[in-house]
Amino acid sequence: MTRPDTAPPGPGPQSPAVGGRSRRGAPRTYDFRRPTKLSREHVRVLQIALEAFARQATTVLTTLLRTGARMELLGIEQHSYDDYVATLPKPSFLSTFTLEPLAGKGLLAYPLDIAMASVDHMLGGSGAAQQPERPMTAMETTITEQLLTRLLQEFTAAFAHVVELQPESDGIEYDPALAQAAAGSDTVMVARLTMSIGTREGDASLVLPFSSFAQALNNAASPQLSESAQRERQRAAEALAERLELVPVDVSVRFTPLEVSSEDLLSLAVGDVLLLRHPRDAPLEVTTNDVTFAHAIASNHRRRLAAAIVPTPSAAKDPA
């Protein structure tokens, strides 16, 4: 017989529920002030584009630097721009670029020693020597911009199925705080990459503004409409156009508007005459919502006043 104070113990710390939770990974911080905006569909579209960019960038780096090179996508994250900048080491190599016709800027960041080693390779060196931690000279910058131009071309091709872009290099910075690619509170999409050139390897990142790409990502993520859905959408568009043609519109036929001073307007009395200054042979204006869309002359139809539409004064003149 078991006494109440010696009852079998309940589940300990290693119960299945607790163990299962720990196996799913450590908890992640969630900021309720910045709710998640990237959906799974968005991430899938970005992943396809960025993996294509990484493959082509690997080819460009290998060809231009004439050494073993690799760029590989690790993951896609969402951050505020300030939070992203806080993760960058100082100094870093940061290249900003425009995203025409979209608003905003993009940012490509990778270690400064890899950027310097790239210049060494393009000048015929081995890239194995200790690289200086300093801003690039004018010549080094010019050489690096050739590489950046090729990378932007591959970026454009990789995102062609998402949106047509014409990016251009906008500048190079070395202090993350000075690379103002976005406002501090703006939501940005961060592609984490690994980049290796020869024996050097480091973390790289490609940053894009979410607000600029949101509509393009929605369009790319939307499934293709079936034929029946396309027919239904076409019928809806035709019905809308037909109903718009039946909407009543207020139309006025008027003389040329007259401007008077406030004093004259307030002093008007019965019997006063206002000179309209409208030429006797000039047609009247046919307007709606203060927009003149035709001209007419006074007429009558049976026992009612009417307006007969006539050519506009400019069209009535002989070009000769």
C-alpha atoms as a PDB file:
ATOM      1  CA  MET A   1       0.000   0.000   0.000  1.00  0.00           C
ATOM      2  CA  THR A   2       1.489   3.385  -1.044  1.00  0.00           C
ATOM      3  CA  ARG A   3       1.402   6.325   1.307  1.00  0.00           C
ATOM      4  CA  PRO A   4       0.244   9.699  -0.073  1.00  0.00           C
ATOM      5  CA  ASP A   5       3.617  11.350   0.577  1.00  0.00           C
ATOM      6  CA  THR A   6       5.477   8.710  -1.451  1.00  0.00           C
ATOM      7  CA  ALA A   7       3.339   8.819  -4.641  1.00  0.00           C
ATOM      8  CA  PRO A   8       5.170   8.098  -7.918  1.00  0.00           C
ATOM      9  CA  PRO A   9       6.830  11.266  -9.222  1.00  0.00           C
ATOM     10  CA  GLY A  10       5.308  13.042 -12.228  1.00  0.00           C
ATOM     11  CA  PRO A  11       7.122  13.767 -15.469  1.00  0.00           C
ATOM     12  CA  GLY A  12      10.550  15.249 -14.888  1.00  0.00           C
ATOM     13  CA  PRO A  13      12.389  17.935 -16.862  1.00  0.00           C
ATOM     14  CA  GLN A  14      12.981  15.521 -19.743  1.00  0.00           C
ATOM     15  CA  SER A  15       9.303  14.961 -20.491  1.00  0.00           C
ATOM     16  CA  PRO A  16       8.410  14.405 -24.168  1.00  0.00           C
ATOM     17  CA  ALA A  17       6.795  17.833 -24.475  1.00  0.00           C
ATOM     18  CA  VAL A  18       9.808  19.705 -23.197  1.00  0.00           C
ATOM     19  CA  GLY A  19      12.232  17.523 -25.102  1.00  0.00           C
ATOM     20  CA  GLY A  20      10.267  17.999 -28.335  1.00  0.00           C
ATOM     21  CA  ARG A  21      10.307  21.777 -27.898  1.00  0.00           C
ATOM     22  CA  SER A  22      14.053  21.876 -27.375  1.00  0.00           C
ATOM     23  CA  ARG A  23      14.626  19.738 -30.466  1.00  0.00           C
ATOM     24  CA  ARG A  24      12.868  22.354 -32.630  1.00  0.00           C
ATOM     25  CA  GLY A  25      15.631  24.840 -31.914  1.00  0.00           C
ATOM     26  CA  ALA A  26      16.236  27.772 -29.645  1.00  0.00           C
ATOM     27  CA  PRO A  27      13.500  30.429 -29.335  1.00  0.00           C
ATOM     28  CA  ARG A  28      13.817  33.415 -31.643  1.00  0.00           C
ATOM     29  CA  THR A  29      13.249  37.061 -30.743  1.00  0.00           C
ATOM     30  CA  TYR A  30      10.064  38.577 -32.212  1.00  0.00           C
ATOM     31  CA  ASP A  31       9.586  42.335 -32.287  1.00  0.00           C
ATOM     32  CA  PHE A  32       5.838  43.099 -32.225  1.00  0.00           C
ATOM     33  CA  ARG A  33       6.566  46.674 -33.324  1.00  0.00           C
ATOM     34  CA  ARG A  34       7.854  45.295 -36.625  1.00  0.00           C
ATOM     35  CA  PRO A  35       5.580  42.416 -37.665  1.00  0.00           C
ATOM     36  CA  THR A  36       6.773  39.964 -40.267  1.00  0.00           C
ATOM     37  CA  LYS A  37       6.167  41.207 -43.798  1.00  0.00           C
ATOM     38  CA  LEU A  38       7.953  38.534 -45.807  1.00  0.00           C
ATOM     39  CA  SER A  39       5.598  35.677 -46.539  1.00  0.00           C
ATOM     40  CA  ARG A  40       6.712  32.192 -47.526  1.00  0.00           C
ATOM     41  CA  GLU A  41       5.782  32.996 -51.117  1.00  0.00           C
ATOM     42  CA  HIS A  42       7.975  36.107 -51.025  1.00  0.00           C
ATOM     43  CA  VAL A  43      10.900  34.124 -49.630  1.00  0.00           C
ATOM     44  CA  ARG A  44      10.475  31.452 -52.315  1.00  0.00           C
ATOM     45  CA  VAL A  45      10.557  34.067 -55.103  1.00  0.00           C
ATOM     46  CA  LEU A  46      13.594  35.778 -53.563  1.00  0.00           C
ATOM     47  CA  GLN A  47      15.375  32.483 -53.026  1.00  0.00           C
ATOM     48  CA  ILE A  48      15.071  31.533 -56.695  1.00  0.00           C
ATOM     49  CA  ALA A  49      16.388  34.927 -57.812  1.00  0.00           C
ATOM     50  CA  LEU A  50      19.202  35.128 -55.254  1.00  0.00           C
ATOM     51  CA  GLU A  51      20.411  31.586 -55.865  1.00  0.00           C
ATOM     52  CA  ALA A  52      20.620  32.410 -59.574  1.00  0.00           C
ATOM     53  CA  PHE A  53      22.534  35.582 -58.711  1.00  0.00           C
ATOM     54  CA  ALA A  54      24.953  33.651 -56.489  1.00  0.00           C
ATOM     55  CA  ARG A  55      25.643  31.104 -59.244  1.00  0.00           C
ATOM     56  CA  GLN A  56      26.293  33.784 -61.844  1.00  0.00           C
ATOM     57  CA  ALA A  57      28.358  35.851 -59.411  1.00  0.00           C
ATOM     58  CA  THR A  58      30.546  32.790 -58.845  1.00  0.00           C
ATOM     59  CA  THR A  59      31.194  32.611 -62.585  1.00  0.00           C
ATOM     60  CA  VAL A  60      31.939  36.352 -62.821  1.00  0.00           C
ATOM     61  CA  LEU A  61      34.344  36.289 -59.869  1.00  0.00           C
ATOM     62  CA  THR A  62      36.163  33.225 -61.178  1.00  0.00           C
ATOM     63  CA  THR A  63      36.499  34.711 -64.676  1.00  0.00           C
ATOM     64  CA  LEU A  64      37.613  38.221 -63.718  1.00  0.00           C
ATOM     65  CA  LEU A  65      39.889  37.267 -60.828  1.00  0.00           C
ATOM     66  CA  ARG A  66      41.338  34.176 -62.522  1.00  0.00           C
ATOM     67  CA  THR A  67      41.247  32.173 -59.301  1.00  0.00           C
ATOM     68  CA  GLY A  68      38.897  29.884 -57.441  1.00  0.00           C
ATOM     69  CA  ALA A  69      35.880  31.862 -56.223  1.00  0.00           C
ATOM     70  CA  ARG A  70      32.459  31.046 -54.843  1.00  0.00           C
ATOM     71  CA  MET A  71      29.329  32.831 -53.662  1.00  0.00           C
ATOM     72  CA  GLU A  72      26.530  30.879 -52.000  1.00  0.00           C
ATOM     73  CA  LEU A  73      23.180  31.920 -50.509  1.00  0.00           C
ATOM     74  CA  LEU A  74      22.796  31.044 -46.823  1.00  0.00           C
ATOM     75  CA  GLY A  75      19.424  32.548 -46.026  1.00  0.00           C
ATOM     76  CA  ILE A  76      17.007  35.463 -46.330  1.00  0.00           C
ATOM     77  CA  GLU A  77      16.073  37.617 -43.351  1.00  0.00           C
ATOM     78  CA  GLN A  78      14.027  40.699 -42.541  1.00  0.00           C
ATOM     79  CA  HIS A  79      15.402  43.528 -40.398  1.00  0.00           C
ATOM     80  CA  SER A  80      15.129  47.235 -39.860  1.00  0.00           C
ATOM     81  CA  TYR A  81      18.012  48.966 -41.596  1.00  0.00           C
ATOM     82  CA  ASP A  82      19.494  50.127 -38.265  1.00  0.00           C
ATOM     83  CA  ASP A  83      19.455  46.568 -36.894  1.00  0.00           C
ATOM     84  CA  TYR A  84      21.170  45.297 -40.027  1.00  0.00           C
ATOM     85  CA  VAL A  85      23.892  47.966 -39.946  1.00  0.00           C
ATOM     86  CA  ALA A  86      24.624  47.072 -36.316  1.00  0.00           C
ATOM     87  CA  THR A  87      25.664  43.562 -37.433  1.00  0.00           C
ATOM     88  CA  LEU A  88      28.364  44.804 -39.838  1.00  0.00           C
ATOM     89  CA  PRO A  89      32.018  44.930 -38.811  1.00  0.00           C
ATOM     90  CA  LYS A  90      33.928  48.177 -39.118  1.00  0.00           C
ATOM     91  CA  PRO A  91      35.525  48.682 -41.575  1.00  0.00           C
ATOM     92  CA  SER A  92      33.631  46.824 -44.318  1.00  0.00           C
ATOM     93  CA  PHE A  93      33.343  47.189 -48.063  1.00  0.00           C
ATOM     94  CA  LEU A  94      29.880  48.564 -48.836  1.00  0.00           C
ATOM     95  CA  SER A  95      28.620  49.371 -52.326  1.00  0.00           C
ATOM     96  CA  THR A  96      25.255  51.115 -52.731  1.00  0.00           C
ATOM     97  CA  PHE A  97      23.310  51.050 -56.002  1.00  0.00           C
ATOM     98  CA  THR A  98      20.085  52.499 -57.379  1.00  0.00           C
ATOM     99  CA  LEU A  99      17.137  50.307 -58.356  1.00  0.00           C
ATOM    100  CA  GLU A 100      15.545  52.224 -61.234  1.00  0.00           C
ATOM    101  CA  PRO A 101      12.646  52.291 -61.925  1.00  0.00           C
ATOM    102  CA  LEU A 102      11.974  51.334 -58.280  1.00  0.00           C
ATOM    103  CA  ALA A 103      12.533  53.767 -55.448  1.00  0.00           C
ATOM    104  CA  GLY A 104      15.213  53.262 -52.842  1.00  0.00           C
ATOM    105  CA  LYS A 105      18.679  51.766 -52.969  1.00  0.00           C
ATOM    106  CA  GLY A 106      20.306  48.386 -52.628  1.00  0.00           C
ATOM    107  CA  LEU A 107      23.490  47.540 -50.746  1.00  0.00           C
ATOM    108  CA  LEU A 108      26.150  44.891 -51.303  1.00  0.00           C
ATOM    109  CA  ALA A 109      28.510  44.377 -48.360  1.00  0.00           C
ATOM    110  CA  TYR A 110      31.462  42.048 -47.859  1.00  0.00           C
ATOM    111  CA  PRO A 111      34.780  42.045 -45.942  1.00  0.00           C
ATOM    112  CA  LEU A 112      37.273  44.751 -46.874  1.00  0.00           C
ATOM    113  CA  ASP A 113      40.187  42.297 -47.093  1.00  0.00           C
ATOM    114  CA  ILE A 114      38.283  40.312 -49.776  1.00  0.00           C
ATOM    115  CA  ALA A 115      37.670  43.545 -51.717  1.00  0.00           C
ATOM    116  CA  MET A 116      41.385  44.408 -51.533  1.00  0.00           C
ATOM    117  CA  ALA A 117      42.369  40.866 -52.497  1.00  0.00           C
ATOM    118  CA  SER A 118      40.069  41.134 -55.535  1.00  0.00           C
ATOM    119  CA  VAL A 119      41.980  44.199 -56.714  1.00  0.00           C
ATOM    120  CA  ASP A 120      45.239  42.309 -56.170  1.00  0.00           C
ATOM    121  CA  HIS A 121      43.992  39.442 -58.339  1.00  0.00           C
ATOM    122  CA  MET A 122      42.802  41.756 -61.123  1.00  0.00           C
ATOM    123  CA  LEU A 123      46.245  43.389 -61.167  1.00  0.00           C
ATOM    124  CA  GLY A 124      47.920  40.003 -61.589  1.00  0.00           C
ATOM    125  CA  GLY A 125      48.788  39.320 -57.953  1.00  0.00           C
ATOM    126  CA  SER A 126      48.146  36.203 -55.896  1.00  0.00           C
ATOM    127  CA  GLY A 127      45.900  37.900 -53.347  1.00  0.00           C
ATOM    128  CA  ALA A 128      47.625  35.954 -50.576  1.00  0.00           C
ATOM    129  CA  ALA A 129      49.484  38.874 -49.011  1.00  0.00           C
ATOM    130  CA  GLN A 130      48.219  40.745 -45.957  1.00  0.00           C
ATOM    131  CA  GLN A 131      45.688  43.297 -47.213  1.00  0.00           C
ATOM    132  CA  PRO A 132      45.542  46.863 -45.831  1.00  0.00           C
ATOM    133  CA  GLU A 133      42.517  48.073 -43.863  1.00  0.00           C
ATOM    134  CA  ARG A 134      42.055  51.468 -45.470  1.00  0.00           C
ATOM    135  CA  PRO A 135      39.825  53.137 -48.052  1.00  0.00           C
ATOM    136  CA  MET A 136      40.665  52.291 -51.642  1.00  0.00           C
ATOM    137  CA  THR A 137      42.681  54.639 -53.785  1.00  0.00           C
ATOM    138  CA  ALA A 138      41.190  56.171 -56.918  1.00  0.00           C
ATOM    139  CA  MET A 139      42.788  53.483 -59.097  1.00  0.00           C
ATOM    140  CA  GLU A 140      41.639  50.653 -56.815  1.00  0.00           C
ATOM    141  CA  THR A 141      38.121  52.087 -56.815  1.00  0.00           C
ATOM    142  CA  THR A 142      38.036  52.245 -60.617  1.00  0.00           C
ATOM    143  CA  ILE A 143      39.170  48.620 -60.880  1.00  0.00           C
ATOM    144  CA  THR A 144      36.618  47.495 -58.299  1.00  0.00           C
ATOM    145  CA  GLU A 145      33.782  49.328 -60.077  1.00  0.00           C
ATOM    146  CA  GLN A 146      34.384  47.147 -63.140  1.00  0.00           C
ATOM    147  CA  LEU A 147      33.725  44.093 -60.978  1.00  0.00           C
ATOM    148  CA  LEU A 148      30.668  45.714 -59.368  1.00  0.00           C
ATOM    149  CA  THR A 149      29.236  46.578 -62.794  1.00  0.00           C
ATOM    150  CA  ARG A 150      29.419  42.925 -63.837  1.00  0.00           C
ATOM    151  CA  LEU A 151      27.796  41.813 -60.581  1.00  0.00           C
ATOM    152  CA  LEU A 152      24.950  44.299 -61.062  1.00  0.00           C
ATOM    153  CA  GLN A 153      24.388  42.938 -64.564  1.00  0.00           C
ATOM    154  CA  GLU A 154      23.971  39.452 -63.119  1.00  0.00           C
ATOM    155  CA  PHE A 155      21.697  40.857 -60.388  1.00  0.00           C
ATOM    156  CA  THR A 156      19.491  42.389 -63.106  1.00  0.00           C
ATOM    157  CA  ALA A 157      19.288  39.104 -65.012  1.00  0.00           C
ATOM    158  CA  ALA A 158      18.517  37.097 -61.864  1.00  0.00           C
ATOM    159  CA  PHE A 159      15.573  39.376 -60.941  1.00  0.00           C
ATOM    160  CA  ALA A 160      14.191  39.670 -64.494  1.00  0.00           C
ATOM    161  CA  HIS A 161      11.265  37.344 -63.682  1.00  0.00           C
ATOM    162  CA  VAL A 162      10.390  39.509 -60.660  1.00  0.00           C
ATOM    163  CA  VAL A 163      10.847  43.069 -61.965  1.00  0.00           C
ATOM    164  CA  GLU A 164      12.766  44.783 -64.752  1.00  0.00           C
ATOM    165  CA  LEU A 165      15.590  46.764 -63.136  1.00  0.00           C
ATOM    166  CA  GLN A 166      18.314  49.091 -64.343  1.00  0.00           C
ATOM    167  CA  PRO A 167      20.624  49.320 -61.310  1.00  0.00           C
ATOM    168  CA  GLU A 168      23.635  51.611 -61.273  1.00  0.00           C
ATOM    169  CA  SER A 169      26.457  51.888 -58.764  1.00  0.00           C
ATOM    170  CA  ASP A 170      25.867  54.814 -56.420  1.00  0.00           C
ATOM    171  CA  GLY A 171      29.020  54.896 -54.309  1.00  0.00           C
ATOM    172  CA  ILE A 172      31.367  53.004 -52.008  1.00  0.00           C
ATOM    173  CA  GLU A 173      31.661  53.368 -48.241  1.00  0.00           C
ATOM    174  CA  TYR A 174      33.771  51.705 -45.560  1.00  0.00           C
ATOM    175  CA  ASP A 175      31.981  52.820 -42.395  1.00  0.00           C
ATOM    176  CA  PRO A 176      28.548  51.090 -42.092  1.00  0.00           C
ATOM    177  CA  ALA A 177      27.108  54.169 -40.385  1.00  0.00           C
ATOM    178  CA  LEU A 178      27.823  56.261 -43.510  1.00  0.00           C
ATOM    179  CA  ALA A 179      26.231  53.889 -46.032  1.00  0.00           C
ATOM    180  CA  GLN A 180      22.768  55.466 -46.051  1.00  0.00           C
ATOM    181  CA  ALA A 181      20.931  53.036 -48.302  1.00  0.00           C
ATOM    182  CA  ALA A 182      17.681  53.441 -46.326  1.00  0.00           C
ATOM    183  CA  ALA A 183      16.166  55.181 -43.322  1.00  0.00           C
ATOM    184  CA  GLY A 184      16.977  53.569 -39.993  1.00  0.00           C
ATOM    185  CA  SER A 185      13.443  52.298 -39.360  1.00  0.00           C
ATOM    186  CA  ASP A 186      12.822  51.035 -42.913  1.00  0.00           C
ATOM    187  CA  THR A 187      12.240  47.316 -43.344  1.00  0.00           C
ATOM    188  CA  VAL A 188      14.881  45.696 -45.536  1.00  0.00           C
ATOM    189  CA  MET A 189      15.341  42.207 -46.948  1.00  0.00           C
ATOM    190  CA  VAL A 190      18.792  40.832 -46.168  1.00  0.00           C
ATOM    191  CA  ALA A 191      20.263  37.961 -48.171  1.00  0.00           C
ATOM    192  CA  ARG A 192      23.077  36.365 -46.193  1.00  0.00           C
ATOM    193  CA  LEU A 193      25.811  34.955 -48.433  1.00  0.00           C
ATOM    194  CA  THR A 194      29.151  33.294 -48.042  1.00  0.00           C
ATOM    195  CA  MET A 195      31.891  34.603 -50.325  1.00  0.00           C
ATOM    196  CA  SER A 196      35.298  33.088 -50.950  1.00  0.00           C
ATOM    197  CA  ILE A 197      38.145  34.178 -53.218  1.00  0.00           C
ATOM    198  CA  GLY A 198      41.206  31.969 -53.266  1.00  0.00           C
ATOM    199  CA  THR A 199      41.964  31.065 -49.657  1.00  0.00           C
ATOM    200  CA  ARG A 200      39.928  33.949 -48.230  1.00  0.00           C
ATOM    201  CA  GLU A 201      36.372  33.443 -47.086  1.00  0.00           C
ATOM    202  CA  GLY A 202      33.901  35.751 -45.377  1.00  0.00           C
ATOM    203  CA  ASP A 203      30.269  36.699 -44.947  1.00  0.00           C
ATOM    204  CA  ALA A 204      28.575  38.904 -47.520  1.00  0.00           C
ATOM    205  CA  SER A 205      25.092  40.378 -47.634  1.00  0.00           C
ATOM    206  CA  LEU A 206      22.790  41.858 -50.239  1.00  0.00           C
ATOM    207  CA  VAL A 207      20.214  44.327 -48.901  1.00  0.00           C
ATOM    208  CA  LEU A 208      17.022  45.384 -50.719  1.00  0.00           C
ATOM    209  CA  PRO A 209      14.195  47.689 -49.523  1.00  0.00           C
ATOM    210  CA  PHE A 210      11.001  45.736 -48.860  1.00  0.00           C
ATOM    211  CA  SER A 211       8.617  48.588 -49.696  1.00  0.00           C
ATOM    212  CA  SER A 212      10.101  48.972 -53.185  1.00  0.00           C
ATOM    213  CA  PHE A 213       9.827  45.256 -54.004  1.00  0.00           C
ATOM    214  CA  ALA A 214       6.541  44.467 -52.209  1.00  0.00           C
ATOM    215  CA  GLN A 215       4.251  44.807 -55.238  1.00  0.00           C
ATOM    216  CA  ALA A 216       6.661  43.014 -57.567  1.00  0.00           C
ATOM    217  CA  LEU A 217       6.991  40.138 -55.086  1.00  0.00           C
ATOM    218  CA  ASN A 218       3.204  39.896 -54.765  1.00  0.00           C
ATOM    219  CA  ASN A 219       2.845  39.726 -58.541  1.00  0.00           C
ATOM    220  CA  ALA A 220       5.586  37.118 -58.898  1.00  0.00           C
ATOM    221  CA  ALA A 221       4.186  35.009 -56.061  1.00  0.00           C
ATOM    222  CA  SER A 222       0.601  35.024 -57.362  1.00  0.00           C
ATOM    223  CA  PRO A 223      -0.378  31.798 -59.137  1.00  0.00           C
ATOM    224  CA  GLN A 224      -1.295  31.954 -62.810  1.00  0.00           C
ATOM    225  CA  LEU A 225      -5.012  32.389 -63.422  1.00  0.00           C
ATOM    226  CA  SER A 226      -6.888  29.537 -65.051  1.00  0.00           C
ATOM    227  CA  GLU A 227      -8.690  30.099 -68.338  1.00  0.00           C
ATOM    228  CA  SER A 228     -12.076  30.265 -66.587  1.00  0.00           C
ATOM    229  CA  ALA A 229     -10.736  32.820 -64.093  1.00  0.00           C
ATOM    230  CA  GLN A 230      -9.314  34.885 -66.947  1.00  0.00           C
ATOM    231  CA  ARG A 231     -12.693  34.820 -68.746  1.00  0.00           C
ATOM    232  CA  GLU A 232     -14.464  35.865 -65.539  1.00  0.00           C
ATOM    233  CA  ARG A 233     -12.042  38.765 -65.063  1.00  0.00           C
ATOM    234  CA  GLN A 234     -12.573  39.825 -68.692  1.00  0.00           C
ATOM    235  CA  ARG A 235     -16.366  39.780 -68.257  1.00  0.00           C
ATOM    236  CA  ALA A 236     -16.050  41.857 -65.089  1.00  0.00           C
ATOM    237  CA  ALA A 237     -13.893  44.436 -66.884  1.00  0.00           C
ATOM    238  CA  GLU A 238     -16.388  44.665 -69.765  1.00  0.00           C
ATOM    239  CA  ALA A 239     -19.322  45.071 -67.358  1.00  0.00           C
ATOM    240  CA  LEU A 240     -17.471  47.822 -65.497  1.00  0.00           C
ATOM    241  CA  ALA A 241     -16.696  49.689 -68.734  1.00  0.00           C
ATOM    242  CA  GLU A 242     -20.355  49.385 -69.836  1.00  0.00           C
ATOM    243  CA  ARG A 243     -21.686  50.744 -66.546  1.00  0.00           C
ATOM    244  CA  LEU A 244     -19.204  53.633 -66.601  1.00  0.00           C
ATOM    245  CA  GLU A 245     -20.684  54.764 -69.908  1.00  0.00           C
ATOM    246  CA  LEU A 246     -24.124  55.043 -68.239  1.00  0.00           C
ATOM    247  CA  VAL A 247     -23.010  57.206 -65.309  1.00  0.00           C
ATOM    248  CA  PRO A 248     -24.848  60.604 -65.437  1.00  0.00           C
ATOM    249  CA  VAL A 249     -22.544  63.625 -65.770  1.00  0.00           C
ATOM    250  CA  ASP A 250     -23.458  67.283 -65.236  1.00  0.00           C
ATOM    251  CA  VAL A 251     -22.679  69.317 -68.367  1.00  0.00           C
ATOM    252  CA  SER A 252     -22.724  73.127 -68.641  1.00  0.00           C
ATOM    253  CA  VAL A 253     -22.680  75.455 -71.646  1.00  0.00           C
ATOM    254  CA  ARG A 254     -21.185  78.772 -70.634  1.00  0.00           C
ATOM    255  CA  PHE A 255     -19.672  82.007 -71.775  1.00  0.00           C
ATOM    256  CA  THR A 256     -16.027  82.681 -71.115  1.00  0.00           C
ATOM    257  CA  PRO A 257     -15.699  83.073 -67.310  1.00  0.00           C
ATOM    258  CA  LEU A 258     -15.429  86.615 -66.004  1.00  0.00           C
ATOM    259  CA  GLU A 259     -13.214  87.821 -63.170  1.00  0.00           C
ATOM    260  CA  VAL A 260     -14.353  90.724 -60.945  1.00  0.00           C
ATOM    261  CA  SER A 261     -12.959  92.158 -57.756  1.00  0.00           C
ATOM    262  CA  SER A 262     -14.552  91.379 -54.416  1.00  0.00           C
ATOM    263  CA  GLU A 263     -15.515  95.046 -54.055  1.00  0.00           C
ATOM    264  CA  ASP A 264     -17.412  95.047 -57.360  1.00  0.00           C
ATOM    265  CA  LEU A 265     -19.086  91.764 -56.542  1.00  0.00           C
ATOM    266  CA  LEU A 266     -20.351  92.998 -53.173  1.00  0.00           C
ATOM    267  CA  SER A 267     -21.601  96.286 -54.616  1.00  0.00           C
ATOM    268  CA  LEU A 268     -23.800  94.720 -57.324  1.00  0.00           C
ATOM    269  CA  ALA A 269     -27.349  96.021 -57.406  1.00  0.00           C
ATOM    270  CA  VAL A 270     -30.461  95.427 -59.506  1.00  0.00           C
ATOM    271  CA  GLY A 271     -29.997  96.971 -62.915  1.00  0.00           C
ATOM    272  CA  ASP A 272     -26.181  96.831 -62.960  1.00  0.00           C
ATOM    273  CA  VAL A 273     -24.590  95.474 -66.142  1.00  0.00           C
ATOM    274  CA  LEU A 274     -21.614  93.069 -66.213  1.00  0.00           C
ATOM    275  CA  LEU A 275     -19.567  93.052 -69.404  1.00  0.00           C
ATOM    276  CA  LEU A 276     -18.884  89.411 -70.245  1.00  0.00           C
ATOM    277  CA  ARG A 277     -16.120  90.302 -72.730  1.00  0.00           C
ATOM    278  CA  HIS A 278     -17.149  87.263 -74.764  1.00  0.00           C
ATOM    279  CA  PRO A 279     -16.776  87.961 -78.519  1.00  0.00           C
ATOM    280  CA  ARG A 280     -20.091  87.851 -80.356  1.00  0.00           C
ATOM    281  CA  ASP A 281     -18.785  85.356 -82.933  1.00  0.00           C
ATOM    282  CA  ALA A 282     -16.970  83.102 -80.416  1.00  0.00           C
ATOM    283  CA  PRO A 283     -18.567  79.735 -79.540  1.00  0.00           C
ATOM    284  CA  LEU A 284     -19.587  78.868 -75.985  1.00  0.00           C
ATOM    285  CA  GLU A 285     -17.679  76.360 -73.849  1.00  0.00           C
ATOM    286  CA  VAL A 286     -19.147  72.954 -73.068  1.00  0.00           C
ATOM    287  CA  THR A 287     -17.739  71.890 -69.703  1.00  0.00           C
ATOM    288  CA  THR A 288     -18.003  69.284 -66.999  1.00  0.00           C
ATOM    289  CA  ASN A 289     -16.314  69.621 -63.647  1.00  0.00           C
ATOM    290  CA  ASP A 290     -14.666  72.844 -64.943  1.00  0.00           C
ATOM    291  CA  VAL A 291     -13.038  70.932 -67.828  1.00  0.00           C
ATOM    292  CA  THR A 292     -13.816  72.209 -71.334  1.00  0.00           C
ATOM    293  CA  PHE A 293     -14.268  69.284 -73.714  1.00  0.00           C
ATOM    294  CA  ALA A 294     -16.239  70.860 -76.617  1.00  0.00           C
ATOM    295  CA  HIS A 295     -17.622  74.118 -78.026  1.00  0.00           C
ATOM    296  CA  ALA A 296     -21.136  75.027 -79.113  1.00  0.00           C
ATOM    297  CA  ILE A 297     -23.334  77.825 -80.405  1.00  0.00           C
ATOM    298  CA  ALA A 298     -26.734  78.796 -79.026  1.00  0.00           C
ATOM    299  CA  SER A 299     -29.649  77.187 -80.871  1.00  0.00           C
ATOM    300  CA  ASN A 300     -33.116  75.810 -80.225  1.00  0.00           C
ATOM    301  CA  HIS A 301     -34.852  72.490 -80.583  1.00  0.00           C
ATOM    302  CA  ARG A 302     -38.620  72.669 -80.930  1.00  0.00           C
ATOM    303  CA  ARG A 303     -39.659  74.902 -78.016  1.00  0.00           C
ATOM    304  CA  ARG A 304     -36.487  74.511 -75.965  1.00  0.00           C
ATOM    305  CA  LEU A 305     -33.122  76.217 -75.952  1.00  0.00           C
ATOM    306  CA  ALA A 306     -30.295  74.035 -77.244  1.00  0.00           C
ATOM    307  CA  ALA A 307     -26.584  74.070 -78.051  1.00  0.00           C
ATOM    308  CA  ALA A 308     -25.216  72.869 -81.375  1.00  0.00           C
ATOM    309  CA  ILE A 309     -21.708  71.393 -81.099  1.00  0.00           C
ATOM    310  CA  VAL A 310     -19.212  73.062 -83.427  1.00  0.00           C
ATOM    311  CA  PRO A 311     -15.504  72.539 -84.146  1.00  0.00           C
ATOM    312  CA  THR A 312     -13.157  73.997 -81.563  1.00  0.00           C
ATOM    313  CA  PRO A 313     -11.765  77.407 -82.512  1.00  0.00           C
ATOM    314  CA  SER A 314      -8.270  76.030 -83.060  1.00  0.00           C
ATOM    315  CA  ALA A 315      -9.543  73.179 -85.250  1.00  0.00           C
ATOM    316  CA  ALA A 316     -11.713  75.547 -87.282  1.00  0.00           C
ATOM    317  CA  LYS A 317      -8.767  77.653 -88.420  1.00  0.00           C
ATOM    318  CA  ASP A 318      -7.186  76.854 -91.757  1.00  0.00           C
ATOM    319  CA  PRO A 319      -3.579  75.628 -91.191  1.00  0.00           C
ATOM    320  CA  ALA A 320      -2.573  77.273 -94.448  1.00  0.00           C
END
